[in-house]
Amino acid sequence: MGLKLHAGSSALGYCVFESGGATLVVESVPEDAPADEQCLVGRFTGLSFTVESVAATYDRLTSRNVSFSGEPEAQSWGGVLATFKDPAGNELQLVQMNAG
């Protein structure tokens, strides 16, 4: 996605990314974590990435073996959505605000 790593690492269990004025913190859940933390893995996160073209981003990410639940879909409100999974199985979305 072109995000710049600002702090942390996958080995430390967290990464902090910066892009423009936004900061994104991503944390991992270890395999030996308690059950109340394990249940957070592999679900819809509610996290969406706004992109200029969902179709172009979809093509780029699928060429890198990113798993999508389906092809990009036009929405009734005029945008386009595509849902993909991170390596842990968490669902995230790509959003294109205006498909025109």
Protein backbone atom coordinates (compact mmCIF):
# COMPACT_ATOMS: atom_id res chain seq x y z
CA MET A 1 0.00 0.00 0.00
CA GLY A 2 3.04 2.26 0.05
CA LEU A 3 2.91 3.05 3.77
CA LYS A 4 6.17 4.16 5.40
CA LEU A 5 7.22 2.22 8.52
CA HIS A 6 7.77 4.76 11.29
CA ALA A 7 8.38 2.50 14.31
CA GLY A 8 8.21 -1.11 15.49
CA SER A 9 8.56 -4.30 13.49
CA SER A 10 6.73 -7.57 13.00
CA ALA A 11 9.26 -9.16 15.37
CA LEU A 12 8.21 -6.69 18.09
CA GLY A 13 4.52 -7.44 17.52
CA TYR A 14 3.55 -3.99 16.30
CA CYS A 15 4.24 -1.59 13.44
CA VAL A 16 3.52 2.13 13.18
CA PHE A 17 3.03 3.48 9.67
CA GLU A 18 2.72 7.08 8.54
CA SER A 19 1.24 8.44 5.34
CA GLY A 20 0.53 12.12 4.92
CA GLY A 21 -1.12 13.30 8.13
CA ALA A 22 -2.39 9.86 9.15
CA THR A 23 -0.80 7.31 11.48
CA LEU A 24 -1.75 3.63 11.48
CA VAL A 25 -0.75 1.25 14.28
CA VAL A 26 -0.98 -2.48 13.53
CA GLU A 27 -0.57 -5.02 16.32
CA SER A 28 -0.24 -8.79 16.07
CA VAL A 29 -1.83 -11.37 18.35
CA PRO A 30 0.66 -14.11 19.31
CA GLU A 31 -0.41 -17.73 18.88
CA ASP A 32 -0.08 -18.25 22.65
CA ALA A 33 -2.27 -15.24 23.51
CA PRO A 34 -5.31 -15.76 25.77
CA ALA A 35 -8.57 -16.84 24.10
CA ASP A 36 -10.14 -13.39 24.58
CA GLU A 37 -7.37 -11.97 22.36
CA GLN A 38 -7.30 -14.87 19.87
CA CYS A 39 -10.97 -14.28 18.99
CA LEU A 40 -9.97 -10.90 17.50
CA VAL A 41 -8.04 -12.57 14.66
CA GLY A 42 -9.71 -13.27 11.31
CA ARG A 43 -12.66 -10.87 11.40
CA PHE A 44 -13.73 -7.68 9.65
CA THR A 45 -11.69 -4.85 11.11
CA GLY A 46 -13.75 -1.91 9.86
CA LEU A 47 -10.51 -0.50 8.48
CA SER A 48 -10.70 0.84 4.94
CA PHE A 49 -8.09 2.33 2.64
CA THR A 50 -9.26 5.04 0.24
CA VAL A 51 -7.57 4.69 -3.15
CA GLU A 52 -7.82 6.50 -6.49
CA SER A 53 -8.70 3.28 -8.34
CA VAL A 54 -9.90 0.13 -6.60
CA ALA A 55 -9.51 -1.82 -9.86
CA ALA A 56 -5.84 -0.83 -10.30
CA THR A 57 -5.04 -1.47 -6.62
CA TYR A 58 -6.88 -4.81 -6.77
CA ASP A 59 -4.81 -5.84 -9.82
CA ARG A 60 -1.55 -4.78 -8.14
CA LEU A 61 -2.35 -6.59 -4.87
CA THR A 62 -3.65 -9.79 -6.49
CA SER A 63 -0.41 -9.94 -8.49
CA ARG A 64 1.31 -10.05 -5.08
CA ASN A 65 -0.96 -12.93 -3.96
CA VAL A 66 -3.19 -10.86 -1.68
CA SER A 67 -6.46 -12.75 -1.09
CA PHE A 68 -9.71 -10.90 -1.94
CA SER A 69 -13.21 -12.16 -1.12
CA GLY A 70 -14.35 -11.17 -4.61
CA GLU A 71 -13.76 -8.70 -7.41
CA PRO A 72 -14.28 -4.94 -6.92
CA GLU A 73 -17.98 -4.06 -6.75
CA ALA A 74 -19.72 -0.83 -7.74
CA GLN A 75 -21.86 0.52 -4.90
CA SER A 76 -25.27 2.23 -5.07
CA TRP A 77 -23.72 5.41 -3.62
CA GLY A 78 -21.34 5.70 -6.59
CA GLY A 79 -18.15 4.25 -5.13
CA VAL A 80 -16.35 0.94 -5.49
CA LEU A 81 -15.40 -1.52 -2.72
CA ALA A 82 -13.15 -4.57 -2.56
CA THR A 83 -12.53 -6.65 0.58
CA PHE A 84 -9.20 -8.38 1.16
CA LYS A 85 -7.48 -10.33 3.92
CA ASP A 86 -4.18 -9.63 5.62
CA PRO A 87 -1.80 -12.56 6.31
CA ALA A 88 -3.63 -13.30 9.61
CA GLY A 89 -7.02 -13.47 7.87
CA ASN A 90 -8.37 -10.12 9.08
CA GLU A 91 -10.66 -8.44 6.55
CA LEU A 92 -9.96 -4.92 5.31
CA GLN A 93 -11.45 -2.87 2.48
CA LEU A 94 -10.33 -0.76 -0.43
CA VAL A 95 -12.66 2.17 -1.12
CA GLN A 96 -12.92 4.35 -4.20
CA MET A 97 -15.19 7.27 -3.40
CA ASN A 98 -16.26 8.24 -6.94
CA ALA A 99 -16.21 5.63 -9.66
CA GLY A 100 -16.62 8.21 -12.44
